[in-house]
Amino acid sequence: MINSIKLFFLNIAKISTLIKNQLIESLGNFRNLRYKLNNLSESNMELGLFHLRNRNWNDAIFRFSVVNRFLDPSNKHAHYWLGWVYLLKQDHKKAIIHLEQAGKEDQIGLLAFVKSINSVTLVPNEIYALNRDIMTDVFMDKFASETEDIPQELVKELNKAITDTLPEEYTILELGSNIGLLGNEINKRMQESYTLIGLEPSAEMIKSQGVYFAEENMYNNTVQAPIDEFLAKSLEQYDIICSLDGFAFTAHLGNMFKSVFSRLSPNGYFAFAVHSTLKSTFSNQTLEFSYNNQQIREQLIENGFTLLVAKDFTIEIKNNYSIFICKK
């Protein structure tokens, strides 16, 4: 009887310990599940951003929607990026809906920009820089085809146009140095003894310069700053200022040309390429302006430039670029 009683209480103790262990295990499983759900939310956000940068709109929408519908309904960050996707997909109604739900997560005023999209004459600096961040991974193919290479042609035409002797140590400022497309050609083809400064609003593009082009010290200095603000504040003068569609954030090219003229040394050269169309227009898809060539010529002359070269190139159907070489 005594042994039976001992066995009875031992079993009770085992059951108590078993229940305790099961509770501890369940609590651990709950914590692990919560961690995995949070991690799953982060993973879907990262995948959404990956698809956004590669312009896979539907895949990006799916990932961000999984987060705000199932994993983390209070995630305003997901609504913010959905606003970006729908903006670039040109579905402005849905972009506005999600940006309104993003609330304070929209720190750059994207909602106000989308609401005024049909009357844009200037892309705000923070929006322009972030859009270039998004474009980084697809930027390589923007200016080249099987038959044309705009960065290469721009530097070739600049070399041909230079007639006056440049200083022994001369300076080049590139407006919108992107992933280094033009800087790479400058290093290949310009005569030595120059200092090359890259000016780029996008942090992602600056980081990618070392990824796409392994050459060390492609730029002697790279400045991350809005282009118009830099030109307005800078007191330096440069012997050559060049740009590969780097000021496509503004419809007011006259103001840009005026700033460039003031930053050029006497007899300095201004070489640039722009997306050209029959009528100057703003693209709701790329958030960039394209320009009428005749208006460009008139504005260059109005701002004191002597036009040396003007050439047109077609990268693909309805995707035209024009090169201009000018002298102060």
C-alpha atoms as a PDB file:
ATOM      1  CA  MET A   1       0.000   0.000   0.000  1.00  0.00           C
ATOM      2  CA  ILE A   2       2.854   2.358   0.912  1.00  0.00           C
ATOM      3  CA  ASN A   3       4.544   1.691  -2.457  1.00  0.00           C
ATOM      4  CA  SER A   4       1.258   2.302  -4.281  1.00  0.00           C
ATOM      5  CA  ILE A   5       0.835   5.662  -2.510  1.00  0.00           C
ATOM      6  CA  LYS A   6       4.426   6.642  -3.355  1.00  0.00           C
ATOM      7  CA  LEU A   7       3.876   5.669  -7.001  1.00  0.00           C
ATOM      8  CA  PHE A   8       0.638   7.683  -7.078  1.00  0.00           C
ATOM      9  CA  PHE A   9       2.331  10.883  -5.871  1.00  0.00           C
ATOM     10  CA  LEU A  10       5.317  10.322  -8.136  1.00  0.00           C
ATOM     11  CA  ASN A  11       2.972  10.146 -11.133  1.00  0.00           C
ATOM     12  CA  ILE A  12       1.234  13.328 -10.016  1.00  0.00           C
ATOM     13  CA  ALA A  13       4.619  15.059  -9.786  1.00  0.00           C
ATOM     14  CA  LYS A  14       5.525  13.813 -13.270  1.00  0.00           C
ATOM     15  CA  ILE A  15       2.223  15.093 -14.679  1.00  0.00           C
ATOM     16  CA  SER A  16       2.831  18.490 -13.051  1.00  0.00           C
ATOM     17  CA  THR A  17       6.332  18.644 -14.516  1.00  0.00           C
ATOM     18  CA  LEU A  18       5.023  17.524 -17.904  1.00  0.00           C
ATOM     19  CA  ILE A  19       2.368  20.253 -17.913  1.00  0.00           C
ATOM     20  CA  LYS A  20       4.967  22.816 -16.856  1.00  0.00           C
ATOM     21  CA  ASN A  21       7.316  21.721 -19.630  1.00  0.00           C
ATOM     22  CA  GLN A  22       4.506  21.828 -22.183  1.00  0.00           C
ATOM     23  CA  LEU A  23       3.579  25.363 -21.100  1.00  0.00           C
ATOM     24  CA  ILE A  24       7.206  26.460 -21.409  1.00  0.00           C
ATOM     25  CA  GLU A  25       7.454  24.805 -24.826  1.00  0.00           C
ATOM     26  CA  SER A  26       4.200  26.402 -25.990  1.00  0.00           C
ATOM     27  CA  LEU A  27       5.385  29.815 -24.846  1.00  0.00           C
ATOM     28  CA  GLY A  28       8.663  29.279 -26.705  1.00  0.00           C
ATOM     29  CA  ASN A  29       6.799  28.187 -29.813  1.00  0.00           C
ATOM     30  CA  PHE A  30       4.601  31.281 -29.607  1.00  0.00           C
ATOM     31  CA  ARG A  31       7.613  33.550 -29.324  1.00  0.00           C
ATOM     32  CA  ASN A  32       9.299  31.731 -32.193  1.00  0.00           C
ATOM     33  CA  LEU A  33       6.157  32.055 -34.308  1.00  0.00           C
ATOM     34  CA  ARG A  34       5.923  35.755 -33.556  1.00  0.00           C
ATOM     35  CA  TYR A  35       9.583  36.204 -34.525  1.00  0.00           C
ATOM     36  CA  LYS A  36       9.069  34.288 -37.754  1.00  0.00           C
ATOM     37  CA  LEU A  37       5.985  36.357 -38.615  1.00  0.00           C
ATOM     38  CA  ASN A  38       7.924  39.559 -38.005  1.00  0.00           C
ATOM     39  CA  ASN A  39      10.819  38.222 -40.044  1.00  0.00           C
ATOM     40  CA  LEU A  40       8.388  37.133 -42.768  1.00  0.00           C
ATOM     41  CA  SER A  41       7.061  40.670 -42.874  1.00  0.00           C
ATOM     42  CA  GLU A  42      10.583  42.056 -43.252  1.00  0.00           C
ATOM     43  CA  SER A  43      11.407  39.462 -45.909  1.00  0.00           C
ATOM     44  CA  ASN A  44       8.348  40.410 -47.950  1.00  0.00           C
ATOM     45  CA  MET A  45       9.204  44.098 -47.637  1.00  0.00           C
ATOM     46  CA  GLU A  46      12.726  43.414 -48.923  1.00  0.00           C
ATOM     47  CA  LEU A  47      11.376  41.351 -51.809  1.00  0.00           C
ATOM     48  CA  GLY A  48       8.910  44.107 -52.614  1.00  0.00           C
ATOM     49  CA  LEU A  49      11.717  46.660 -52.786  1.00  0.00           C
ATOM     50  CA  PHE A  50      13.765  44.297 -54.956  1.00  0.00           C
ATOM     51  CA  HIS A  51      10.899  43.997 -57.455  1.00  0.00           C
ATOM     52  CA  LEU A  52      10.291  47.756 -57.310  1.00  0.00           C
ATOM     53  CA  ARG A  53      13.920  48.470 -58.246  1.00  0.00           C
ATOM     54  CA  ASN A  54      13.617  46.028 -61.143  1.00  0.00           C
ATOM     55  CA  ARG A  55      10.291  47.551 -62.209  1.00  0.00           C
ATOM     56  CA  ASN A  56       8.392  44.285 -61.665  1.00  0.00           C
ATOM     57  CA  TRP A  57       5.299  46.188 -60.608  1.00  0.00           C
ATOM     58  CA  ASN A  58       2.896  43.277 -60.022  1.00  0.00           C
ATOM     59  CA  ASP A  59       5.417  41.298 -57.969  1.00  0.00           C
ATOM     60  CA  ALA A  60       6.163  44.374 -55.865  1.00  0.00           C
ATOM     61  CA  ILE A  61       2.463  45.001 -55.293  1.00  0.00           C
ATOM     62  CA  PHE A  62       1.952  41.368 -54.248  1.00  0.00           C
ATOM     63  CA  ARG A  63       4.748  41.482 -51.649  1.00  0.00           C
ATOM     64  CA  PHE A  64       3.724  44.797 -50.094  1.00  0.00           C
ATOM     65  CA  SER A  65       0.060  43.719 -50.087  1.00  0.00           C
ATOM     66  CA  VAL A  66       0.913  40.461 -48.270  1.00  0.00           C
ATOM     67  CA  VAL A  67       2.435  42.573 -45.515  1.00  0.00           C
ATOM     68  CA  ASN A  68      -0.414  45.036 -45.031  1.00  0.00           C
ATOM     69  CA  ARG A  69      -3.233  42.508 -45.482  1.00  0.00           C
ATOM     70  CA  PHE A  70      -1.972  39.482 -43.598  1.00  0.00           C
ATOM     71  CA  LEU A  71       1.327  39.891 -41.774  1.00  0.00           C
ATOM     72  CA  ASP A  72       1.299  43.441 -40.412  1.00  0.00           C
ATOM     73  CA  PRO A  73      -1.907  45.404 -41.183  1.00  0.00           C
ATOM     74  CA  SER A  74      -0.600  48.462 -39.326  1.00  0.00           C
ATOM     75  CA  ASN A  75       2.580  48.674 -41.445  1.00  0.00           C
ATOM     76  CA  LYS A  76       2.450  52.191 -42.908  1.00  0.00           C
ATOM     77  CA  HIS A  77       5.777  51.587 -44.626  1.00  0.00           C
ATOM     78  CA  ALA A  78       4.113  49.009 -46.898  1.00  0.00           C
ATOM     79  CA  HIS A  79       1.422  51.545 -47.831  1.00  0.00           C
ATOM     80  CA  TYR A  80       4.123  54.114 -48.610  1.00  0.00           C
ATOM     81  CA  TRP A  81       5.936  51.803 -51.032  1.00  0.00           C
ATOM     82  CA  LEU A  82       2.641  50.721 -52.584  1.00  0.00           C
ATOM     83  CA  GLY A  83       2.100  54.423 -53.248  1.00  0.00           C
ATOM     84  CA  TRP A  84       5.444  54.518 -55.091  1.00  0.00           C
ATOM     85  CA  VAL A  85       4.632  51.414 -57.146  1.00  0.00           C
ATOM     86  CA  TYR A  86       1.232  52.680 -58.228  1.00  0.00           C
ATOM     87  CA  LEU A  87       2.733  56.097 -59.061  1.00  0.00           C
ATOM     88  CA  LEU A  88       5.324  54.531 -61.355  1.00  0.00           C
ATOM     89  CA  LYS A  89       2.641  52.236 -62.757  1.00  0.00           C
ATOM     90  CA  GLN A  90       0.677  55.428 -63.512  1.00  0.00           C
ATOM     91  CA  ASP A  91      -2.311  54.402 -61.381  1.00  0.00           C
ATOM     92  CA  HIS A  92      -2.506  57.682 -59.499  1.00  0.00           C
ATOM     93  CA  LYS A  93      -5.832  56.981 -57.810  1.00  0.00           C
ATOM     94  CA  LYS A  94      -4.471  53.919 -55.990  1.00  0.00           C
ATOM     95  CA  ALA A  95      -1.207  55.727 -55.291  1.00  0.00           C
ATOM     96  CA  ILE A  96      -3.117  58.462 -53.477  1.00  0.00           C
ATOM     97  CA  ILE A  97      -5.171  55.902 -51.482  1.00  0.00           C
ATOM     98  CA  HIS A  98      -2.065  54.168 -50.158  1.00  0.00           C
ATOM     99  CA  LEU A  99      -0.076  57.339 -49.534  1.00  0.00           C
ATOM    100  CA  GLU A 100      -2.948  58.712 -47.464  1.00  0.00           C
ATOM    101  CA  GLN A 101      -2.775  55.541 -45.347  1.00  0.00           C
ATOM    102  CA  ALA A 102       1.009  55.875 -45.109  1.00  0.00           C
ATOM    103  CA  GLY A 103       0.565  59.043 -43.043  1.00  0.00           C
ATOM    104  CA  LYS A 104       3.801  60.359 -41.528  1.00  0.00           C
ATOM    105  CA  GLU A 105       5.783  57.604 -43.284  1.00  0.00           C
ATOM    106  CA  ASP A 106       5.595  59.837 -46.354  1.00  0.00           C
ATOM    107  CA  GLN A 107       8.259  62.287 -45.247  1.00  0.00           C
ATOM    108  CA  ILE A 108       9.091  63.684 -48.692  1.00  0.00           C
ATOM    109  CA  GLY A 109       5.655  64.950 -49.721  1.00  0.00           C
ATOM    110  CA  LEU A 110       5.001  62.252 -52.320  1.00  0.00           C
ATOM    111  CA  LEU A 111       1.228  62.460 -51.761  1.00  0.00           C
ATOM    112  CA  ALA A 112       1.134  66.167 -52.641  1.00  0.00           C
ATOM    113  CA  PHE A 113       3.335  65.498 -55.672  1.00  0.00           C
ATOM    114  CA  VAL A 114       1.010  62.771 -56.991  1.00  0.00           C
ATOM    115  CA  LYS A 115      -2.045  64.988 -56.515  1.00  0.00           C
ATOM    116  CA  SER A 116      -0.412  67.660 -58.718  1.00  0.00           C
ATOM    117  CA  ILE A 117       1.124  65.237 -61.235  1.00  0.00           C
ATOM    118  CA  ASN A 118      -0.637  66.782 -64.241  1.00  0.00           C
ATOM    119  CA  SER A 119       0.893  70.217 -63.693  1.00  0.00           C
ATOM    120  CA  VAL A 120       4.459  69.315 -62.700  1.00  0.00           C
ATOM    121  CA  THR A 121       7.250  71.663 -63.801  1.00  0.00           C
ATOM    122  CA  LEU A 122       9.791  70.541 -61.203  1.00  0.00           C
ATOM    123  CA  VAL A 123      10.380  67.227 -59.438  1.00  0.00           C
ATOM    124  CA  PRO A 124      11.263  67.990 -55.786  1.00  0.00           C
ATOM    125  CA  ASN A 125      14.844  67.067 -54.944  1.00  0.00           C
ATOM    126  CA  GLU A 126      14.042  64.298 -52.437  1.00  0.00           C
ATOM    127  CA  ILE A 127      11.573  62.638 -54.812  1.00  0.00           C
ATOM    128  CA  TYR A 128      14.007  62.919 -57.722  1.00  0.00           C
ATOM    129  CA  ALA A 129      16.832  61.380 -55.669  1.00  0.00           C
ATOM    130  CA  LEU A 130      14.651  58.502 -54.434  1.00  0.00           C
ATOM    131  CA  ASN A 131      13.363  57.839 -57.948  1.00  0.00           C
ATOM    132  CA  ARG A 132      16.974  57.560 -59.121  1.00  0.00           C
ATOM    133  CA  ASP A 133      17.599  55.141 -56.242  1.00  0.00           C
ATOM    134  CA  ILE A 134      14.782  53.001 -57.634  1.00  0.00           C
ATOM    135  CA  MET A 135      16.108  53.277 -61.206  1.00  0.00           C
ATOM    136  CA  THR A 136      19.663  52.238 -60.327  1.00  0.00           C
ATOM    137  CA  ASP A 137      19.414  48.570 -61.332  1.00  0.00           C
ATOM    138  CA  VAL A 138      17.880  49.316 -64.752  1.00  0.00           C
ATOM    139  CA  PHE A 139      19.980  52.383 -65.570  1.00  0.00           C
ATOM    140  CA  MET A 140      22.730  50.556 -67.454  1.00  0.00           C
ATOM    141  CA  ASP A 141      20.585  49.927 -70.560  1.00  0.00           C
ATOM    142  CA  LYS A 142      18.974  53.349 -70.732  1.00  0.00           C
ATOM    143  CA  PHE A 143      21.514  55.010 -73.046  1.00  0.00           C
ATOM    144  CA  ALA A 144      22.756  52.212 -75.270  1.00  0.00           C
ATOM    145  CA  SER A 145      21.553  49.874 -78.009  1.00  0.00           C
ATOM    146  CA  GLU A 146      23.272  47.513 -80.442  1.00  0.00           C
ATOM    147  CA  THR A 147      24.143  50.457 -82.674  1.00  0.00           C
ATOM    148  CA  GLU A 148      24.347  53.492 -80.384  1.00  0.00           C
ATOM    149  CA  ASP A 149      26.157  54.361 -77.174  1.00  0.00           C
ATOM    150  CA  ILE A 150      25.255  57.841 -75.919  1.00  0.00           C
ATOM    151  CA  PRO A 151      27.957  58.204 -73.197  1.00  0.00           C
ATOM    152  CA  GLN A 152      30.664  57.169 -75.661  1.00  0.00           C
ATOM    153  CA  GLU A 153      29.362  59.474 -78.396  1.00  0.00           C
ATOM    154  CA  LEU A 154      29.125  62.417 -76.024  1.00  0.00           C
ATOM    155  CA  VAL A 155      32.779  62.155 -74.969  1.00  0.00           C
ATOM    156  CA  LYS A 156      33.917  61.596 -78.574  1.00  0.00           C
ATOM    157  CA  GLU A 157      32.063  64.693 -79.762  1.00  0.00           C
ATOM    158  CA  LEU A 158      33.452  66.716 -76.862  1.00  0.00           C
ATOM    159  CA  ASN A 159      37.014  65.746 -77.768  1.00  0.00           C
ATOM    160  CA  LYS A 160      36.415  66.742 -81.380  1.00  0.00           C
ATOM    161  CA  ALA A 161      34.917  70.093 -80.368  1.00  0.00           C
ATOM    162  CA  ILE A 162      37.765  71.167 -78.066  1.00  0.00           C
ATOM    163  CA  THR A 163      39.908  73.542 -80.080  1.00  0.00           C
ATOM    164  CA  ASP A 164      41.437  75.777 -77.411  1.00  0.00           C
ATOM    165  CA  THR A 165      44.177  74.308 -75.271  1.00  0.00           C
ATOM    166  CA  LEU A 166      42.855  73.247 -71.902  1.00  0.00           C
ATOM    167  CA  PRO A 167      44.853  74.170 -68.783  1.00  0.00           C
ATOM    168  CA  GLU A 168      47.630  71.763 -67.896  1.00  0.00           C
ATOM    169  CA  GLU A 169      45.549  70.740 -64.869  1.00  0.00           C
ATOM    170  CA  TYR A 170      41.880  71.077 -65.798  1.00  0.00           C
ATOM    171  CA  THR A 171      38.653  70.295 -63.981  1.00  0.00           C
ATOM    172  CA  ILE A 172      35.525  68.431 -65.103  1.00  0.00           C
ATOM    173  CA  LEU A 173      32.211  68.538 -63.253  1.00  0.00           C
ATOM    174  CA  GLU A 174      29.632  65.897 -64.138  1.00  0.00           C
ATOM    175  CA  LEU A 175      26.025  66.744 -63.280  1.00  0.00           C
ATOM    176  CA  GLY A 176      24.184  63.547 -62.382  1.00  0.00           C
ATOM    177  CA  SER A 177      27.044  61.052 -62.381  1.00  0.00           C
ATOM    178  CA  ASN A 178      24.578  58.114 -62.048  1.00  0.00           C
ATOM    179  CA  ILE A 179      26.298  54.697 -61.963  1.00  0.00           C
ATOM    180  CA  GLY A 180      29.406  56.076 -63.699  1.00  0.00           C
ATOM    181  CA  LEU A 181      28.437  55.648 -67.363  1.00  0.00           C
ATOM    182  CA  LEU A 182      29.881  58.968 -68.477  1.00  0.00           C
ATOM    183  CA  GLY A 183      32.726  58.966 -65.950  1.00  0.00           C
ATOM    184  CA  ASN A 184      33.894  55.641 -67.354  1.00  0.00           C
ATOM    185  CA  GLU A 185      34.048  57.070 -70.890  1.00  0.00           C
ATOM    186  CA  ILE A 186      35.820  60.217 -69.690  1.00  0.00           C
ATOM    187  CA  ASN A 187      38.531  58.107 -68.071  1.00  0.00           C
ATOM    188  CA  LYS A 188      38.948  56.167 -71.312  1.00  0.00           C
ATOM    189  CA  ARG A 189      39.034  59.044 -73.769  1.00  0.00           C
ATOM    190  CA  MET A 190      39.911  62.427 -72.222  1.00  0.00           C
ATOM    191  CA  GLN A 191      43.503  63.618 -72.145  1.00  0.00           C
ATOM    192  CA  GLU A 192      45.238  63.169 -68.820  1.00  0.00           C
ATOM    193  CA  SER A 193      45.804  65.661 -65.977  1.00  0.00           C
ATOM    194  CA  TYR A 194      42.191  66.376 -65.129  1.00  0.00           C
ATOM    195  CA  THR A 195      40.235  66.318 -61.893  1.00  0.00           C
ATOM    196  CA  LEU A 196      36.799  64.723 -62.272  1.00  0.00           C
ATOM    197  CA  ILE A 197      34.064  65.616 -59.797  1.00  0.00           C
ATOM    198  CA  GLY A 198      30.812  63.651 -59.845  1.00  0.00           C
ATOM    199  CA  LEU A 199      27.634  65.276 -58.565  1.00  0.00           C
ATOM    200  CA  GLU A 200      24.770  62.837 -57.925  1.00  0.00           C
ATOM    201  CA  PRO A 201      21.595  63.119 -55.795  1.00  0.00           C
ATOM    202  CA  SER A 202      21.119  59.338 -55.463  1.00  0.00           C
ATOM    203  CA  ALA A 203      23.017  57.428 -52.763  1.00  0.00           C
ATOM    204  CA  GLU A 204      22.244  54.103 -54.466  1.00  0.00           C
ATOM    205  CA  MET A 205      23.735  55.238 -57.766  1.00  0.00           C
ATOM    206  CA  ILE A 206      26.902  56.430 -56.058  1.00  0.00           C
ATOM    207  CA  LYS A 207      27.284  53.063 -54.301  1.00  0.00           C
ATOM    208  CA  SER A 208      26.745  51.246 -57.611  1.00  0.00           C
ATOM    209  CA  GLN A 209      29.581  53.067 -59.372  1.00  0.00           C
ATOM    210  CA  GLY A 210      32.064  50.652 -57.875  1.00  0.00           C
ATOM    211  CA  VAL A 211      29.841  47.689 -58.756  1.00  0.00           C
ATOM    212  CA  TYR A 212      29.364  48.358 -62.462  1.00  0.00           C
ATOM    213  CA  PHE A 213      32.854  49.728 -63.069  1.00  0.00           C
ATOM    214  CA  ALA A 214      35.711  48.132 -61.147  1.00  0.00           C
ATOM    215  CA  GLU A 215      38.132  50.945 -61.927  1.00  0.00           C
ATOM    216  CA  GLU A 216      39.351  52.530 -58.713  1.00  0.00           C
ATOM    217  CA  ASN A 217      38.985  56.281 -58.224  1.00  0.00           C
ATOM    218  CA  MET A 218      36.821  56.840 -61.287  1.00  0.00           C
ATOM    219  CA  TYR A 219      35.953  60.198 -59.723  1.00  0.00           C
ATOM    220  CA  ASN A 220      38.452  62.242 -57.763  1.00  0.00           C
ATOM    221  CA  ASN A 221      35.521  63.351 -55.660  1.00  0.00           C
ATOM    222  CA  THR A 222      31.840  62.440 -55.588  1.00  0.00           C
ATOM    223  CA  VAL A 223      29.298  64.782 -54.024  1.00  0.00           C
ATOM    224  CA  GLN A 224      25.826  63.628 -53.064  1.00  0.00           C
ATOM    225  CA  ALA A 225      23.645  66.708 -53.375  1.00  0.00           C
ATOM    226  CA  PRO A 226      20.753  68.154 -55.411  1.00  0.00           C
ATOM    227  CA  ILE A 227      22.153  69.476 -58.678  1.00  0.00           C
ATOM    228  CA  ASP A 228      20.361  72.832 -58.734  1.00  0.00           C
ATOM    229  CA  GLU A 229      21.251  73.575 -55.098  1.00  0.00           C
ATOM    230  CA  PHE A 230      24.912  72.665 -55.642  1.00  0.00           C
ATOM    231  CA  LEU A 231      25.227  74.939 -58.683  1.00  0.00           C
ATOM    232  CA  ALA A 232      23.514  77.791 -56.859  1.00  0.00           C
ATOM    233  CA  LYS A 233      25.789  77.567 -53.802  1.00  0.00           C
ATOM    234  CA  SER A 234      29.103  76.621 -55.427  1.00  0.00           C
ATOM    235  CA  LEU A 235      31.713  79.302 -55.977  1.00  0.00           C
ATOM    236  CA  GLU A 236      34.072  77.026 -57.934  1.00  0.00           C
ATOM    237  CA  GLN A 237      34.551  77.269 -61.677  1.00  0.00           C
ATOM    238  CA  TYR A 238      35.191  74.303 -63.954  1.00  0.00           C
ATOM    239  CA  ASP A 239      36.828  73.978 -67.358  1.00  0.00           C
ATOM    240  CA  ILE A 240      34.284  71.395 -68.529  1.00  0.00           C
ATOM    241  CA  ILE A 241      30.773  70.697 -67.248  1.00  0.00           C
ATOM    242  CA  CYS A 242      29.033  67.646 -68.648  1.00  0.00           C
ATOM    243  CA  SER A 243      25.848  65.686 -68.022  1.00  0.00           C
ATOM    244  CA  LEU A 244      24.149  62.503 -69.167  1.00  0.00           C
ATOM    245  CA  ASP A 245      20.503  63.542 -68.795  1.00  0.00           C
ATOM    246  CA  GLY A 246      21.297  64.567 -65.240  1.00  0.00           C
ATOM    247  CA  PHE A 247      18.979  67.573 -64.975  1.00  0.00           C
ATOM    248  CA  ALA A 248      15.778  65.896 -66.177  1.00  0.00           C
ATOM    249  CA  PHE A 249      14.045  66.974 -62.952  1.00  0.00           C
ATOM    250  CA  THR A 250      13.114  70.411 -64.295  1.00  0.00           C
ATOM    251  CA  ALA A 251      11.138  71.883 -67.154  1.00  0.00           C
ATOM    252  CA  HIS A 252      13.033  75.175 -66.751  1.00  0.00           C
ATOM    253  CA  LEU A 253      16.238  74.451 -68.658  1.00  0.00           C
ATOM    254  CA  GLY A 254      16.937  78.161 -69.019  1.00  0.00           C
ATOM    255  CA  ASN A 255      17.580  78.437 -65.278  1.00  0.00           C
ATOM    256  CA  MET A 256      19.826  75.374 -65.397  1.00  0.00           C
ATOM    257  CA  PHE A 257      21.848  76.743 -68.327  1.00  0.00           C
ATOM    258  CA  LYS A 258      22.262  80.063 -66.532  1.00  0.00           C
ATOM    259  CA  SER A 259      23.689  78.294 -63.474  1.00  0.00           C
ATOM    260  CA  VAL A 260      26.031  76.178 -65.611  1.00  0.00           C
ATOM    261  CA  PHE A 261      27.283  79.260 -67.484  1.00  0.00           C
ATOM    262  CA  SER A 262      28.200  80.979 -64.218  1.00  0.00           C
ATOM    263  CA  ARG A 263      30.147  77.897 -63.038  1.00  0.00           C
ATOM    264  CA  LEU A 264      32.182  77.545 -66.254  1.00  0.00           C
ATOM    265  CA  SER A 265      35.647  79.016 -66.612  1.00  0.00           C
ATOM    266  CA  PRO A 266      36.202  81.471 -69.494  1.00  0.00           C
ATOM    267  CA  ASN A 267      36.249  79.508 -72.770  1.00  0.00           C
ATOM    268  CA  GLY A 268      34.964  76.463 -70.862  1.00  0.00           C
ATOM    269  CA  TYR A 269      32.896  73.710 -72.477  1.00  0.00           C
ATOM    270  CA  PHE A 270      29.428  72.424 -71.658  1.00  0.00           C
ATOM    271  CA  ALA A 271      28.584  68.960 -73.057  1.00  0.00           C
ATOM    272  CA  PHE A 272      25.330  67.177 -72.322  1.00  0.00           C
ATOM    273  CA  ALA A 273      22.790  64.652 -73.558  1.00  0.00           C
ATOM    274  CA  VAL A 274      19.034  64.866 -72.993  1.00  0.00           C
ATOM    275  CA  HIS A 275      15.974  62.824 -73.851  1.00  0.00           C
ATOM    276  CA  SER A 276      14.459  64.692 -76.791  1.00  0.00           C
ATOM    277  CA  THR A 277      10.845  64.809 -78.010  1.00  0.00           C
ATOM    278  CA  LEU A 278       8.874  66.912 -80.464  1.00  0.00           C
ATOM    279  CA  LYS A 279       7.270  68.725 -77.544  1.00  0.00           C
ATOM    280  CA  SER A 280       8.816  69.266 -74.127  1.00  0.00           C
ATOM    281  CA  THR A 281       6.925  66.977 -71.790  1.00  0.00           C
ATOM    282  CA  PHE A 282       6.913  65.227 -68.414  1.00  0.00           C
ATOM    283  CA  SER A 283       6.756  61.433 -68.192  1.00  0.00           C
ATOM    284  CA  ASN A 284       4.481  60.073 -65.463  1.00  0.00           C
ATOM    285  CA  GLN A 285       6.286  56.739 -65.856  1.00  0.00           C
ATOM    286  CA  THR A 286       9.910  57.795 -65.380  1.00  0.00           C
ATOM    287  CA  LEU A 287       9.223  61.073 -63.510  1.00  0.00           C
ATOM    288  CA  GLU A 288      11.595  62.867 -65.878  1.00  0.00           C
ATOM    289  CA  PHE A 289      11.305  65.630 -68.451  1.00  0.00           C
ATOM    290  CA  SER A 290      12.164  65.408 -72.138  1.00  0.00           C
ATOM    291  CA  TYR A 291      12.838  68.460 -74.260  1.00  0.00           C
ATOM    292  CA  ASN A 292      12.307  70.018 -77.664  1.00  0.00           C
ATOM    293  CA  ASN A 293      15.650  70.516 -79.431  1.00  0.00           C
ATOM    294  CA  GLN A 294      14.808  73.889 -80.917  1.00  0.00           C
ATOM    295  CA  GLN A 295      13.904  75.264 -77.515  1.00  0.00           C
ATOM    296  CA  ILE A 296      17.194  73.942 -76.127  1.00  0.00           C
ATOM    297  CA  ARG A 297      19.148  75.733 -78.856  1.00  0.00           C
ATOM    298  CA  GLU A 298      17.314  79.004 -78.186  1.00  0.00           C
ATOM    299  CA  GLN A 299      17.845  78.799 -74.413  1.00  0.00           C
ATOM    300  CA  LEU A 300      21.548  78.002 -74.799  1.00  0.00           C
ATOM    301  CA  ILE A 301      22.077  81.049 -76.991  1.00  0.00           C
ATOM    302  CA  GLU A 302      19.964  83.237 -74.680  1.00  0.00           C
ATOM    303  CA  ASN A 303      22.253  82.295 -71.798  1.00  0.00           C
ATOM    304  CA  GLY A 304      25.446  83.199 -73.640  1.00  0.00           C
ATOM    305  CA  PHE A 305      26.617  79.851 -75.011  1.00  0.00           C
ATOM    306  CA  THR A 306      28.062  79.271 -78.455  1.00  0.00           C
ATOM    307  CA  LEU A 307      26.590  76.046 -79.853  1.00  0.00           C
ATOM    308  CA  LEU A 308      29.258  73.865 -81.450  1.00  0.00           C
ATOM    309  CA  VAL A 309      27.588  70.461 -81.909  1.00  0.00           C
ATOM    310  CA  ALA A 310      24.010  69.190 -81.957  1.00  0.00           C
ATOM    311  CA  LYS A 311      23.339  65.544 -82.881  1.00  0.00           C
ATOM    312  CA  ASP A 312      20.336  63.234 -82.542  1.00  0.00           C
ATOM    313  CA  PHE A 313      20.341  59.510 -81.737  1.00  0.00           C
ATOM    314  CA  THR A 314      17.648  56.850 -81.571  1.00  0.00           C
ATOM    315  CA  ILE A 315      18.140  54.146 -78.925  1.00  0.00           C
ATOM    316  CA  GLU A 316      14.875  52.384 -79.674  1.00  0.00           C
ATOM    317  CA  ILE A 317      11.496  53.298 -81.158  1.00  0.00           C
ATOM    318  CA  LYS A 318      10.349  56.670 -79.781  1.00  0.00           C
ATOM    319  CA  ASN A 319      13.345  56.820 -77.440  1.00  0.00           C
ATOM    320  CA  ASN A 320      15.489  59.614 -78.810  1.00  0.00           C
ATOM    321  CA  TYR A 321      18.458  61.396 -77.272  1.00  0.00           C
ATOM    322  CA  SER A 322      20.266  64.517 -78.395  1.00  0.00           C
ATOM    323  CA  ILE A 323      23.845  65.608 -77.742  1.00  0.00           C
ATOM    324  CA  PHE A 324      24.862  69.250 -77.423  1.00  0.00           C
ATOM    325  CA  ILE A 325      28.385  70.653 -77.137  1.00  0.00           C
ATOM    326  CA  CYS A 326      28.693  74.345 -76.273  1.00  0.00           C
ATOM    327  CA  LYS A 327      31.361  76.854 -75.379  1.00  0.00           C
ATOM    328  CA  LYS A 328      31.283  79.792 -73.005  1.00  0.00           C
END
